[in-house]
Every structure is written in C-alpha cells, then in structure tokens.
C-alpha atoms as a PDB file:
ATOM      1  CA  MET A   1     -16.324  10.400   6.296  1.00  0.00           C
ATOM      2  CA  CYS A   2     -16.036  12.551   3.167  1.00  0.00           C
ATOM      3  CA  VAL A   3     -15.271  11.004  -0.063  1.00  0.00           C
ATOM      4  CA  GLU A   4     -13.917  12.946  -3.033  1.00  0.00           C
ATOM      5  CA  ILE A   5     -14.293  11.955  -6.735  1.00  0.00           C
ATOM      6  CA  LEU A   6     -10.969  12.748  -8.267  1.00  0.00           C
ATOM      7  CA  ALA A   7     -11.592  11.690 -11.795  1.00  0.00           C
ATOM      8  CA  VAL A   8     -13.866   9.874 -14.251  1.00  0.00           C
ATOM      9  CA  ALA A   9     -12.391   8.537 -17.353  1.00  0.00           C
ATOM     10  CA  ASP A  10     -11.472   5.510 -19.341  1.00  0.00           C
ATOM     11  CA  PRO A  11     -10.018   2.853 -17.022  1.00  0.00           C
ATOM     12  CA  LYS A  12      -6.791   2.549 -18.978  1.00  0.00           C
ATOM     13  CA  LEU A  13      -6.174   6.346 -18.588  1.00  0.00           C
ATOM     14  CA  LEU A  14      -6.984   6.186 -14.875  1.00  0.00           C
ATOM     15  CA  THR A  15      -4.534   3.396 -14.395  1.00  0.00           C
ATOM     16  CA  ARG A  16      -1.724   5.749 -15.587  1.00  0.00           C
ATOM     17  CA  TYR A  17      -3.311   8.647 -13.536  1.00  0.00           C
ATOM     18  CA  VAL A  18      -3.351   6.575 -10.323  1.00  0.00           C
ATOM     19  CA  ALA A  19       0.294   5.456 -10.792  1.00  0.00           C
ATOM     20  CA  ASP A  20       1.252   9.142 -11.352  1.00  0.00           C
ATOM     21  CA  SER A  21      -0.731  10.311  -8.369  1.00  0.00           C
ATOM     22  CA  LYS A  22       0.913   7.698  -6.173  1.00  0.00           C
ATOM     23  CA  ALA A  23       4.464   8.634  -7.395  1.00  0.00           C
ATOM     24  CA  ALA A  24       3.670  12.358  -6.577  1.00  0.00           C
ATOM     25  CA  HIS A  25       2.524  11.574  -3.093  1.00  0.00           C
ATOM     26  CA  GLN A  26       5.662   9.458  -2.473  1.00  0.00           C
ATOM     27  CA  ARG A  27       7.763  12.683  -2.561  1.00  0.00           C
ATOM     28  CA  ASP A  28       6.084  14.248   0.465  1.00  0.00           C
ATOM     29  CA  ALA A  29       4.189  11.451   2.365  1.00  0.00           C
ATOM     30  CA  VAL A  30       4.294   8.029   3.622  1.00  0.00           C
ATOM     31  CA  VAL A  31       2.769   5.836   0.908  1.00  0.00           C
ATOM     32  CA  LEU A  32       1.208   2.585   2.038  1.00  0.00           C
ATOM     33  CA  GLU A  33       0.296  -0.358  -0.105  1.00  0.00           C
ATOM     34  CA  THR A  34      -3.363  -1.147   0.194  1.00  0.00           C
ATOM     35  CA  ASP A  35      -5.178  -4.260  -0.771  1.00  0.00           C
ATOM     36  CA  ALA A  36      -7.646  -3.171  -3.376  1.00  0.00           C
ATOM     37  CA  ARG A  37      -9.936  -6.178  -2.614  1.00  0.00           C
ATOM     38  CA  THR A  38     -10.505  -4.955   0.777  1.00  0.00           C
ATOM     39  CA  PHE A  39     -12.006  -1.776  -0.626  1.00  0.00           C
ATOM     40  CA  GLY A  40     -13.891  -3.486  -3.506  1.00  0.00           C
ATOM     41  CA  ALA A  41     -11.774  -1.605  -6.076  1.00  0.00           C
ATOM     42  CA  ASP A  42      -9.455  -2.404  -8.982  1.00  0.00           C
ATOM     43  CA  GLU A  43      -6.459  -0.649  -7.335  1.00  0.00           C
ATOM     44  CA  CYS A  44      -5.746   1.499  -4.290  1.00  0.00           C
ATOM     45  CA  TYR A  45      -2.926   3.101  -2.336  1.00  0.00           C
ATOM     46  CA  SER A  46      -2.946   5.108   0.923  1.00  0.00           C
ATOM     47  CA  HIS A  47      -0.845   8.192   1.904  1.00  0.00           C
ATOM     48  CA  ALA A  48      -0.231  10.137   5.139  1.00  0.00           C
ATOM     49  CA  ARG A  49       2.193  12.661   6.309  1.00  0.00           C
ATOM     50  CA  SER A  50       3.138  10.280   9.243  1.00  0.00           C
ATOM     51  CA  LYS A  51       2.319   6.787  10.369  1.00  0.00           C
ATOM     52  CA  LYS A  52       0.286   8.247  13.263  1.00  0.00           C
ATOM     53  CA  GLU A  53      -2.154  10.110  10.819  1.00  0.00           C
ATOM     54  CA  ILE A  54      -5.240   8.281   9.529  1.00  0.00           C
ATOM     55  CA  PRO A  55      -4.182   7.730   5.873  1.00  0.00           C
ATOM     56  CA  THR A  56      -6.086   9.178   2.907  1.00  0.00           C
ATOM     57  CA  VAL A  57      -7.097   6.160   0.735  1.00  0.00           C
ATOM     58  CA  VAL A  58      -7.186   6.548  -2.935  1.00  0.00           C
ATOM     59  CA  CYS A  59      -8.903   3.953  -5.117  1.00  0.00           C
ATOM     60  CA  ARG A  60      -9.884   3.232  -8.694  1.00  0.00           C
ATOM     61  CA  LYS A  61     -12.843   1.128  -9.778  1.00  0.00           C
ATOM     62  CA  GLY A  62     -13.430   1.004 -13.521  1.00  0.00           C
ATOM     63  CA  PRO A  63     -13.764   4.567 -14.705  1.00  0.00           C
ATOM     64  CA  LEU A  64     -13.953   6.154 -11.207  1.00  0.00           C
ATOM     65  CA  MET A  65     -11.072   7.413  -9.022  1.00  0.00           C
ATOM     66  CA  PHE A  66     -11.860   8.471  -5.495  1.00  0.00           C
ATOM     67  CA  GLN A  67     -10.366   9.159  -2.122  1.00  0.00           C
ATOM     68  CA  SER A  68     -11.335   9.439   1.541  1.00  0.00           C
ATOM     69  CA  ASN A  69     -11.083  13.000   2.404  1.00  0.00           C
ATOM     70  CA  GLY A  70     -11.099  13.240   6.218  1.00  0.00           C
ATOM     71  CA  VAL A  71     -13.043  11.671   8.925  1.00  0.00           C
ATOM     72  CA  GLY A  72     -15.502  13.321  11.130  1.00  0.00           C
ATOM     73  CA  PHE A  73     -18.495  12.246  13.042  1.00  0.00           C
ATOM     74  CA  ASN A  74     -21.178  14.131  14.926  1.00  0.00           C
ATOM     75  CA  TYR A  75     -21.557  11.168  17.185  1.00  0.00           C
ATOM     76  CA  ILE A  76     -20.274   7.657  17.065  1.00  0.00           C
ATOM     77  CA  ASP A  77     -19.288   5.080  19.681  1.00  0.00           C
ATOM     78  CA  PHE A  78     -16.690   2.490  18.465  1.00  0.00           C
ATOM     79  CA  GLU A  79     -16.660  -0.233  21.124  1.00  0.00           C
ATOM     80  CA  GLY A  80     -15.700   2.301  23.743  1.00  0.00           C
ATOM     81  CA  ALA A  81     -12.820   3.843  21.657  1.00  0.00           C
ATOM     82  CA  GLU A  82     -12.734   7.513  22.337  1.00  0.00           C
ATOM     83  CA  GLU A  83     -12.247   9.874  19.363  1.00  0.00           C
ATOM     84  CA  ASP A  84      -8.627  11.042  19.029  1.00  0.00           C
ATOM     85  CA  THR A  85      -7.077   7.827  20.230  1.00  0.00           C
ATOM     86  CA  ALA A  86      -5.206   5.145  18.581  1.00  0.00           C
ATOM     87  CA  ALA A  87      -7.982   2.619  19.024  1.00  0.00           C
ATOM     88  CA  PHE A  88     -10.448   4.913  17.267  1.00  0.00           C
ATOM     89  CA  ASP A  89      -8.108   5.604  14.324  1.00  0.00           C
ATOM     90  CA  LYS A  90      -7.499   1.834  14.010  1.00  0.00           C
ATOM     91  CA  ILE A  91     -11.262   1.271  13.755  1.00  0.00           C
ATOM     92  CA  VAL A  92     -11.644   4.016  11.045  1.00  0.00           C
ATOM     93  CA  LYS A  93      -8.699   2.670   9.196  1.00  0.00           C
ATOM     94  CA  GLU A  94      -9.481  -1.055   9.258  1.00  0.00           C
ATOM     95  CA  ARG A  95     -13.311  -1.204   9.403  1.00  0.00           C
ATOM     96  CA  VAL A  96     -15.042   2.111   8.541  1.00  0.00           C
ATOM     97  CA  THR A  97     -12.966   3.307   5.402  1.00  0.00           C
ATOM     98  CA  PRO A  98     -13.117  -0.194   3.681  1.00  0.00           C
ATOM     99  CA  ALA A  99     -16.877  -0.434   4.290  1.00  0.00           C
ATOM    100  CA  VAL A 100     -17.555   2.979   2.883  1.00  0.00           C
ATOM    101  CA  PHE A 101     -15.474   2.227  -0.216  1.00  0.00           C
ATOM    102  CA  ARG A 102     -17.166  -1.173  -0.687  1.00  0.00           C
ATOM    103  CA  ALA A 103     -20.549   0.549  -0.576  1.00  0.00           C
ATOM    104  CA  ILE A 104     -19.454   3.045  -3.273  1.00  0.00           C
ATOM    105  CA  THR A 105     -17.950   0.265  -5.545  1.00  0.00           C
ATOM    106  CA  ALA A 106     -20.653  -2.254  -5.028  1.00  0.00           C
ATOM    107  CA  ASN A 107     -22.592  -1.003  -8.195  1.00  0.00           C
ATOM    108  CA  LEU A 108     -19.819   0.228 -10.410  1.00  0.00           C
END
C-alpha cells in the first residue's frame, strides 16, 4: 500500500483543508463517511469513482494529512481470497488500510 502525505500544517488549517478536499471530491466521486477512530485519526473520509472500487482513504491526525494511494502487493495471501476479487477488496478496505493508518498515527 502506498501512503501519500498531502499536507503538514496547523491542525486548525488542516481541518478546513480536509473539508474543502472532501467537498471537491463530492463533485466527481462517491464520498463515504469514514470512522476516524478506526484509522487512529482525528478525521477521515473516503472517495472512489464507484462503489466497486477500493476507496482512497484521506485522514488527518494533528498536523498531518495523508491518504492511501493505491494498493499493490508482490505476494499476499488473504485467507484464500484471490487478488482482484470482492473478497480481497473487502479485506484491504476493512483490515489492511485501517491497520496501516493506525501504524502511521500511533506516534503522532
């Protein structure tokens, strides 16, 4: 999984920036409410072009705003879930992405 740092700034400024970013994505994507506690963050949202696509998760924790920027693995076996299947996508969405984000936010 690739994680991209979008901004580093005063948390008050980032709160506005996250809201603006979310509004901009609502114009051309499906925006999903995301429980920030699951990701160890102060606030989060997700967006995707369709409900079938693995969503990009955008979070803010303190002065840091970051997002998941694609998922790719050289080798991984998720309980028999083959890559490019709904089961694989569900595991990435519900288990892998939150775990990665919690690792990032653990020491912020």
